[in-house]
Amino acid sequence: MYNYNINIFFSEEDEGYIADIPDLRFCSAFGETPLEALNELMVAQRLWMEEAKASGISIPQAKYKPVIYQIAQ
């Protein structure tokens, strides 16, 4: 499995939490709590990977790092 960075943030517009994986284009999910958003994102990631494999799309390596980790190197 790939070790992708996950972002979770509160969206006032959606009145809930959004979780996304920046390295996987359009891979995101919504939840009323951060945990629910994360659980939904895990489902979305699995489906994203399955569709990429079925369509012959290459699965990107994890590249995104939050700024704090980029500075520490």
PDB file of N, CA and C in Angstrom:
ATOM      1  N   MET A   1       0.841  -1.178   0.000  1.00  0.00           N
ATOM      2  CA  MET A   1       0.000   0.000   0.000  1.00  0.00           C
ATOM      3  C   MET A   1       0.888   1.243   0.000  1.00  0.00           C
ATOM      4  N   TYR A   2       0.366   2.290  -0.528  1.00  0.00           N
ATOM      5  CA  TYR A   2       1.092   3.547  -0.610  1.00  0.00           C
ATOM      6  C   TYR A   2       0.867   4.355   0.663  1.00  0.00           C
ATOM      7  N   ASN A   3       1.868   5.079   1.077  1.00  0.00           N
ATOM      8  CA  ASN A   3       1.795   5.878   2.294  1.00  0.00           C
ATOM      9  C   ASN A   3       1.512   7.332   1.925  1.00  0.00           C
ATOM     10  N   TYR A   4       0.267   7.632   1.606  1.00  0.00           N
ATOM     11  CA  TYR A   4      -0.116   8.966   1.174  1.00  0.00           C
ATOM     12  C   TYR A   4      -0.453   9.863   2.360  1.00  0.00           C
ATOM     13  N   ASN A   5      -0.117  11.131   2.225  1.00  0.00           N
ATOM     14  CA  ASN A   5      -0.527  12.118   3.203  1.00  0.00           C
ATOM     15  C   ASN A   5      -2.027  12.356   3.061  1.00  0.00           C
ATOM     16  N   ILE A   6      -2.692  12.535   4.181  1.00  0.00           N
ATOM     17  CA  ILE A   6      -4.134  12.794   4.200  1.00  0.00           C
ATOM     18  C   ILE A   6      -4.370  14.129   4.883  1.00  0.00           C
ATOM     19  N   ASN A   7      -5.178  14.963   4.257  1.00  0.00           N
ATOM     20  CA  ASN A   7      -5.605  16.228   4.847  1.00  0.00           C
ATOM     21  C   ASN A   7      -7.048  16.084   5.313  1.00  0.00           C
ATOM     22  N   ILE A   8      -7.339  16.579   6.503  1.00  0.00           N
ATOM     23  CA  ILE A   8      -8.716  16.618   6.994  1.00  0.00           C
ATOM     24  C   ILE A   8      -8.949  18.029   7.514  1.00  0.00           C
ATOM     25  N   PHE A   9     -10.028  18.652   7.041  1.00  0.00           N
ATOM     26  CA  PHE A   9     -10.312  20.015   7.472  1.00  0.00           C
ATOM     27  C   PHE A   9     -11.817  20.241   7.527  1.00  0.00           C
ATOM     28  N   PHE A  10     -12.221  21.199   8.343  1.00  0.00           N
ATOM     29  CA  PHE A  10     -13.631  21.536   8.467  1.00  0.00           C
ATOM     30  C   PHE A  10     -14.016  22.507   7.368  1.00  0.00           C
ATOM     31  N   SER A  11     -15.140  22.230   6.713  1.00  0.00           N
ATOM     32  CA  SER A  11     -15.661  23.113   5.672  1.00  0.00           C
ATOM     33  C   SER A  11     -16.945  23.761   6.184  1.00  0.00           C
ATOM     34  N   GLU A  12     -16.884  25.064   6.404  1.00  0.00           N
ATOM     35  CA  GLU A  12     -18.087  25.772   6.847  1.00  0.00           C
ATOM     36  C   GLU A  12     -19.172  25.707   5.780  1.00  0.00           C
ATOM     37  N   GLU A  13     -18.762  25.801   4.528  1.00  0.00           N
ATOM     38  CA  GLU A  13     -19.723  25.758   3.418  1.00  0.00           C
ATOM     39  C   GLU A  13     -20.490  24.438   3.405  1.00  0.00           C
ATOM     40  N   ASP A  14     -19.784  23.325   3.640  1.00  0.00           N
ATOM     41  CA  ASP A  14     -20.415  22.003   3.625  1.00  0.00           C
ATOM     42  C   ASP A  14     -20.916  21.580   4.999  1.00  0.00           C
ATOM     43  N   GLU A  15     -20.554  22.347   6.018  1.00  0.00           N
ATOM     44  CA  GLU A  15     -20.943  22.061   7.401  1.00  0.00           C
ATOM     45  C   GLU A  15     -20.515  20.659   7.832  1.00  0.00           C
ATOM     46  N   GLY A  16     -19.282  20.327   7.502  1.00  0.00           N
ATOM     47  CA  GLY A  16     -18.727  19.032   7.868  1.00  0.00           C
ATOM     48  C   GLY A  16     -17.257  18.983   7.518  1.00  0.00           C
ATOM     49  N   TYR A  17     -16.698  17.803   7.605  1.00  0.00           N
ATOM     50  CA  TYR A  17     -15.259  17.614   7.387  1.00  0.00           C
ATOM     51  C   TYR A  17     -14.980  17.028   6.011  1.00  0.00           C
ATOM     52  N   ILE A  18     -13.938  17.519   5.398  1.00  0.00           N
ATOM     53  CA  ILE A  18     -13.461  17.026   4.111  1.00  0.00           C
ATOM     54  C   ILE A  18     -12.116  16.360   4.359  1.00  0.00           C
ATOM     55  N   ALA A  19     -11.945  15.182   3.810  1.00  0.00           N
ATOM     56  CA  ALA A  19     -10.656  14.488   3.843  1.00  0.00           C
ATOM     57  C   ALA A  19     -10.225  14.290   2.401  1.00  0.00           C
ATOM     58  N   ASP A  20      -8.946  14.507   2.131  1.00  0.00           N
ATOM     59  CA  ASP A  20      -8.465  14.286   0.772  1.00  0.00           C
ATOM     60  C   ASP A  20      -7.034  13.770   0.787  1.00  0.00           C
ATOM     61  N   ILE A  21      -6.652  13.203  -0.353  1.00  0.00           N
ATOM     62  CA  ILE A  21      -5.289  12.728  -0.581  1.00  0.00           C
ATOM     63  C   ILE A  21      -4.750  13.546  -1.748  1.00  0.00           C
ATOM     64  N   PRO A  22      -3.875  14.516  -1.479  1.00  0.00           N
ATOM     65  CA  PRO A  22      -3.405  15.405  -2.537  1.00  0.00           C
ATOM     66  C   PRO A  22      -2.734  14.685  -3.715  1.00  0.00           C
ATOM     67  N   ASP A  23      -2.080  13.562  -3.465  1.00  0.00           N
ATOM     68  CA  ASP A  23      -1.397  12.848  -4.545  1.00  0.00           C
ATOM     69  C   ASP A  23      -2.345  12.110  -5.486  1.00  0.00           C
ATOM     70  N   LEU A  24      -3.585  11.894  -5.047  1.00  0.00           N
ATOM     71  CA  LEU A  24      -4.560  11.193  -5.886  1.00  0.00           C
ATOM     72  C   LEU A  24      -5.619  12.193  -6.326  1.00  0.00           C
ATOM     73  N   ARG A  25      -5.536  12.605  -7.544  1.00  0.00           N
ATOM     74  CA  ARG A  25      -6.405  13.654  -8.064  1.00  0.00           C
ATOM     75  C   ARG A  25      -7.881  13.300  -7.880  1.00  0.00           C
ATOM     76  N   PHE A  26      -8.610  14.207  -7.283  1.00  0.00           N
ATOM     77  CA  PHE A  26     -10.046  14.091  -7.038  1.00  0.00           C
ATOM     78  C   PHE A  26     -10.416  13.011  -6.017  1.00  0.00           C
ATOM     79  N   CYS A  27      -9.472  12.541  -5.233  1.00  0.00           N
ATOM     80  CA  CYS A  27      -9.777  11.540  -4.202  1.00  0.00           C
ATOM     81  C   CYS A  27     -10.051  12.267  -2.896  1.00  0.00           C
ATOM     82  N   SER A  28     -11.333  12.400  -2.574  1.00  0.00           N
ATOM     83  CA  SER A  28     -11.723  13.096  -1.355  1.00  0.00           C
ATOM     84  C   SER A  28     -13.033  12.512  -0.839  1.00  0.00           C
ATOM     85  N   ALA A  29     -13.376  12.877   0.387  1.00  0.00           N
ATOM     86  CA  ALA A  29     -14.599  12.365   0.993  1.00  0.00           C
ATOM     87  C   ALA A  29     -15.101  13.354   2.032  1.00  0.00           C
ATOM     88  N   PHE A  30     -16.353  13.189   2.405  1.00  0.00           N
ATOM     89  CA  PHE A  30     -17.018  14.058   3.368  1.00  0.00           C
ATOM     90  C   PHE A  30     -17.482  13.252   4.563  1.00  0.00           C
ATOM     91  N   GLY A  31     -17.477  13.877   5.738  1.00  0.00           N
ATOM     92  CA  GLY A  31     -18.044  13.266   6.929  1.00  0.00           C
ATOM     93  C   GLY A  31     -18.489  14.319   7.915  1.00  0.00           C
ATOM     94  N   GLU A  32     -19.412  13.958   8.794  1.00  0.00           N
ATOM     95  CA  GLU A  32     -19.863  14.889   9.817  1.00  0.00           C
ATOM     96  C   GLU A  32     -18.829  15.046  10.930  1.00  0.00           C
ATOM     97  N   THR A  33     -17.918  14.086  11.056  1.00  0.00           N
ATOM     98  CA  THR A  33     -16.821  14.152  12.018  1.00  0.00           C
ATOM     99  C   THR A  33     -15.519  13.870  11.271  1.00  0.00           C
ATOM    100  N   PRO A  34     -14.371  14.227  11.857  1.00  0.00           N
ATOM    101  CA  PRO A  34     -13.101  13.900  11.191  1.00  0.00           C
ATOM    102  C   PRO A  34     -12.936  12.404  10.963  1.00  0.00           C
ATOM    103  N   LEU A  35     -13.337  11.587  11.929  1.00  0.00           N
ATOM    104  CA  LEU A  35     -13.206  10.137  11.789  1.00  0.00           C
ATOM    105  C   LEU A  35     -14.094   9.603  10.675  1.00  0.00           C
ATOM    106  N   GLU A  36     -15.301  10.110  10.580  1.00  0.00           N
ATOM    107  CA  GLU A  36     -16.198   9.679   9.505  1.00  0.00           C
ATOM    108  C   GLU A  36     -15.622  10.062   8.142  1.00  0.00           C
ATOM    109  N   ALA A  37     -15.069  11.261   8.041  1.00  0.00           N
ATOM    110  CA  ALA A  37     -14.453  11.686   6.782  1.00  0.00           C
ATOM    111  C   ALA A  37     -13.272  10.789   6.432  1.00  0.00           C
ATOM    112  N   LEU A  38     -12.464  10.428   7.428  1.00  0.00           N
ATOM    113  CA  LEU A  38     -11.328   9.540   7.193  1.00  0.00           C
ATOM    114  C   LEU A  38     -11.786   8.160   6.744  1.00  0.00           C
ATOM    115  N   ASN A  39     -12.793   7.615   7.405  1.00  0.00           N
ATOM    116  CA  ASN A  39     -13.305   6.297   7.012  1.00  0.00           C
ATOM    117  C   ASN A  39     -13.849   6.313   5.584  1.00  0.00           C
ATOM    118  N   GLU A  40     -14.565   7.363   5.232  1.00  0.00           N
ATOM    119  CA  GLU A  40     -15.086   7.489   3.877  1.00  0.00           C
ATOM    120  C   GLU A  40     -13.952   7.641   2.866  1.00  0.00           C
ATOM    121  N   LEU A  41     -12.888   8.340   3.272  1.00  0.00           N
ATOM    122  CA  LEU A  41     -11.741   8.518   2.382  1.00  0.00           C
ATOM    123  C   LEU A  41     -11.046   7.187   2.110  1.00  0.00           C
ATOM    124  N   MET A  42     -10.987   6.316   3.095  1.00  0.00           N
ATOM    125  CA  MET A  42     -10.363   5.006   2.892  1.00  0.00           C
ATOM    126  C   MET A  42     -11.130   4.202   1.845  1.00  0.00           C
ATOM    127  N   VAL A  43     -12.451   4.323   1.864  1.00  0.00           N
ATOM    128  CA  VAL A  43     -13.279   3.674   0.833  1.00  0.00           C
ATOM    129  C   VAL A  43     -12.993   4.311  -0.524  1.00  0.00           C
ATOM    130  N   ALA A  44     -12.952   5.647  -0.553  1.00  0.00           N
ATOM    131  CA  ALA A  44     -12.688   6.358  -1.811  1.00  0.00           C
ATOM    132  C   ALA A  44     -11.309   6.003  -2.372  1.00  0.00           C
ATOM    133  N   GLN A  45     -10.320   5.870  -1.495  1.00  0.00           N
ATOM    134  CA  GLN A  45      -8.976   5.522  -1.955  1.00  0.00           C
ATOM    135  C   GLN A  45      -8.967   4.119  -2.575  1.00  0.00           C
ATOM    136  N   ARG A  46      -9.609   3.174  -1.924  1.00  0.00           N
ATOM    137  CA  ARG A  46      -9.654   1.813  -2.469  1.00  0.00           C
ATOM    138  C   ARG A  46     -10.317   1.808  -3.843  1.00  0.00           C
ATOM    139  N   LEU A  47     -11.436   2.517  -3.970  1.00  0.00           N
ATOM    140  CA  LEU A  47     -12.134   2.584  -5.256  1.00  0.00           C
ATOM    141  C   LEU A  47     -11.301   3.317  -6.308  1.00  0.00           C
ATOM    142  N   TRP A  48     -10.602   4.367  -5.896  1.00  0.00           N
ATOM    143  CA  TRP A  48      -9.733   5.116  -6.808  1.00  0.00           C
ATOM    144  C   TRP A  48      -8.668   4.193  -7.363  1.00  0.00           C
ATOM    145  N   MET A  49      -8.033   3.417  -6.473  1.00  0.00           N
ATOM    146  CA  MET A  49      -6.964   2.489  -6.883  1.00  0.00           C
ATOM    147  C   MET A  49      -7.504   1.405  -7.818  1.00  0.00           C
ATOM    148  N   GLU A  50      -8.648   0.845  -7.474  1.00  0.00           N
ATOM    149  CA  GLU A  50      -9.248  -0.189  -8.314  1.00  0.00           C
ATOM    150  C   GLU A  50      -9.552   0.340  -9.710  1.00  0.00           C
ATOM    151  N   GLU A  51     -10.113   1.537  -9.779  1.00  0.00           N
ATOM    152  CA  GLU A  51     -10.443   2.125 -11.079  1.00  0.00           C
ATOM    153  C   GLU A  51      -9.187   2.449 -11.880  1.00  0.00           C
ATOM    154  N   ALA A  52      -8.164   2.947 -11.221  1.00  0.00           N
ATOM    155  CA  ALA A  52      -6.901   3.254 -11.903  1.00  0.00           C
ATOM    156  C   ALA A  52      -6.306   1.976 -12.504  1.00  0.00           C
ATOM    157  N   LYS A  53      -6.279   0.908 -11.720  1.00  0.00           N
ATOM    158  CA  LYS A  53      -5.737  -0.362 -12.220  1.00  0.00           C
ATOM    159  C   LYS A  53      -6.559  -0.890 -13.382  1.00  0.00           C
ATOM    160  N   ALA A  54      -7.885  -0.839 -13.259  1.00  0.00           N
ATOM    161  CA  ALA A  54      -8.771  -1.343 -14.310  1.00  0.00           C
ATOM    162  C   ALA A  54      -8.644  -0.525 -15.593  1.00  0.00           C
ATOM    163  N   SER A  55      -8.356   0.762 -15.452  1.00  0.00           N
ATOM    164  CA  SER A  55      -8.252   1.650 -16.612  1.00  0.00           C
ATOM    165  C   SER A  55      -6.838   1.766 -17.162  1.00  0.00           C
ATOM    166  N   GLY A  56      -5.888   1.106 -16.510  1.00  0.00           N
ATOM    167  CA  GLY A  56      -4.500   1.184 -16.962  1.00  0.00           C
ATOM    168  C   GLY A  56      -3.818   2.492 -16.611  1.00  0.00           C
ATOM    169  N   ILE A  57      -4.367   3.214 -15.649  1.00  0.00           N
ATOM    170  CA  ILE A  57      -3.771   4.484 -15.216  1.00  0.00           C
ATOM    171  C   ILE A  57      -2.716   4.179 -14.170  1.00  0.00           C
ATOM    172  N   SER A  58      -1.544   4.784 -14.312  1.00  0.00           N
ATOM    173  CA  SER A  58      -0.483   4.530 -13.334  1.00  0.00           C
ATOM    174  C   SER A  58      -0.841   5.170 -11.998  1.00  0.00           C
ATOM    175  N   ILE A  59      -0.528   4.460 -10.940  1.00  0.00           N
ATOM    176  CA  ILE A  59      -0.796   4.944  -9.589  1.00  0.00           C
ATOM    177  C   ILE A  59       0.424   5.740  -9.130  1.00  0.00           C
ATOM    178  N   PRO A  60       0.237   7.014  -8.801  1.00  0.00           N
ATOM    179  CA  PRO A  60       1.382   7.854  -8.446  1.00  0.00           C
ATOM    180  C   PRO A  60       2.014   7.459  -7.112  1.00  0.00           C
ATOM    181  N   GLN A  61       3.303   7.656  -7.035  1.00  0.00           N
ATOM    182  CA  GLN A  61       4.003   7.486  -5.778  1.00  0.00           C
ATOM    183  C   GLN A  61       3.635   8.648  -4.857  1.00  0.00           C
ATOM    184  N   ALA A  62       3.735   8.422  -3.579  1.00  0.00           N
ATOM    185  CA  ALA A  62       3.457   9.487  -2.611  1.00  0.00           C
ATOM    186  C   ALA A  62       4.557  10.540  -2.706  1.00  0.00           C
ATOM    187  N   LYS A  63       4.184  11.765  -3.015  1.00  0.00           N
ATOM    188  CA  LYS A  63       5.148  12.868  -3.136  1.00  0.00           C
ATOM    189  C   LYS A  63       4.807  14.033  -2.231  1.00  0.00           C
ATOM    190  N   TYR A  64       3.516  14.238  -1.991  1.00  0.00           N
ATOM    191  CA  TYR A  64       3.091  15.398  -1.208  1.00  0.00           C
ATOM    192  C   TYR A  64       3.562  15.257   0.231  1.00  0.00           C
ATOM    193  N   LYS A  65       4.136  16.342   0.750  1.00  0.00           N
ATOM    194  CA  LYS A  65       4.530  16.417   2.155  1.00  0.00           C
ATOM    195  C   LYS A  65       4.114  17.776   2.678  1.00  0.00           C
ATOM    196  N   PRO A  66       3.528  17.827   3.859  1.00  0.00           N
ATOM    197  CA  PRO A  66       3.217  19.131   4.432  1.00  0.00           C
ATOM    198  C   PRO A  66       4.503  19.947   4.595  1.00  0.00           C
ATOM    199  N   VAL A  67       4.390  21.237   4.608  1.00  0.00           N
ATOM    200  CA  VAL A  67       5.540  22.136   4.676  1.00  0.00           C
ATOM    201  C   VAL A  67       6.431  21.820   5.869  1.00  0.00           C
ATOM    202  N   ILE A  68       5.856  21.469   6.995  1.00  0.00           N
ATOM    203  CA  ILE A  68       6.665  21.201   8.184  1.00  0.00           C
ATOM    204  C   ILE A  68       7.674  20.073   7.931  1.00  0.00           C
ATOM    205  N   TYR A  69       7.301  19.074   7.141  1.00  0.00           N
ATOM    206  CA  TYR A  69       8.215  17.974   6.834  1.00  0.00           C
ATOM    207  C   TYR A  69       9.217  18.367   5.752  1.00  0.00           C
ATOM    208  N   GLN A  70       8.839  19.271   4.876  1.00  0.00           N
ATOM    209  CA  GLN A  70       9.762  19.720   3.847  1.00  0.00           C
ATOM    210  C   GLN A  70      10.887  20.547   4.472  1.00  0.00           C
ATOM    211  N   ILE A  71      10.583  21.325   5.473  1.00  0.00           N
ATOM    212  CA  ILE A  71      11.577  22.163   6.133  1.00  0.00           C
ATOM    213  C   ILE A  71      12.547  21.325   6.949  1.00  0.00           C
ATOM    214  N   ALA A  72      12.060  20.243   7.556  1.00  0.00           N
ATOM    215  CA  ALA A  72      12.861  19.420   8.454  1.00  0.00           C
ATOM    216  C   ALA A  72      13.944  18.628   7.720  1.00  0.00           C
ATOM    217  N   GLN A  73      13.863  18.516   6.430  1.00  0.00           N
ATOM    218  CA  GLN A  73      14.840  17.693   5.694  1.00  0.00           C
ATOM    219  C   GLN A  73      16.123  18.407   5.454  1.00  0.00           C
TER     220      GLN A  73
END
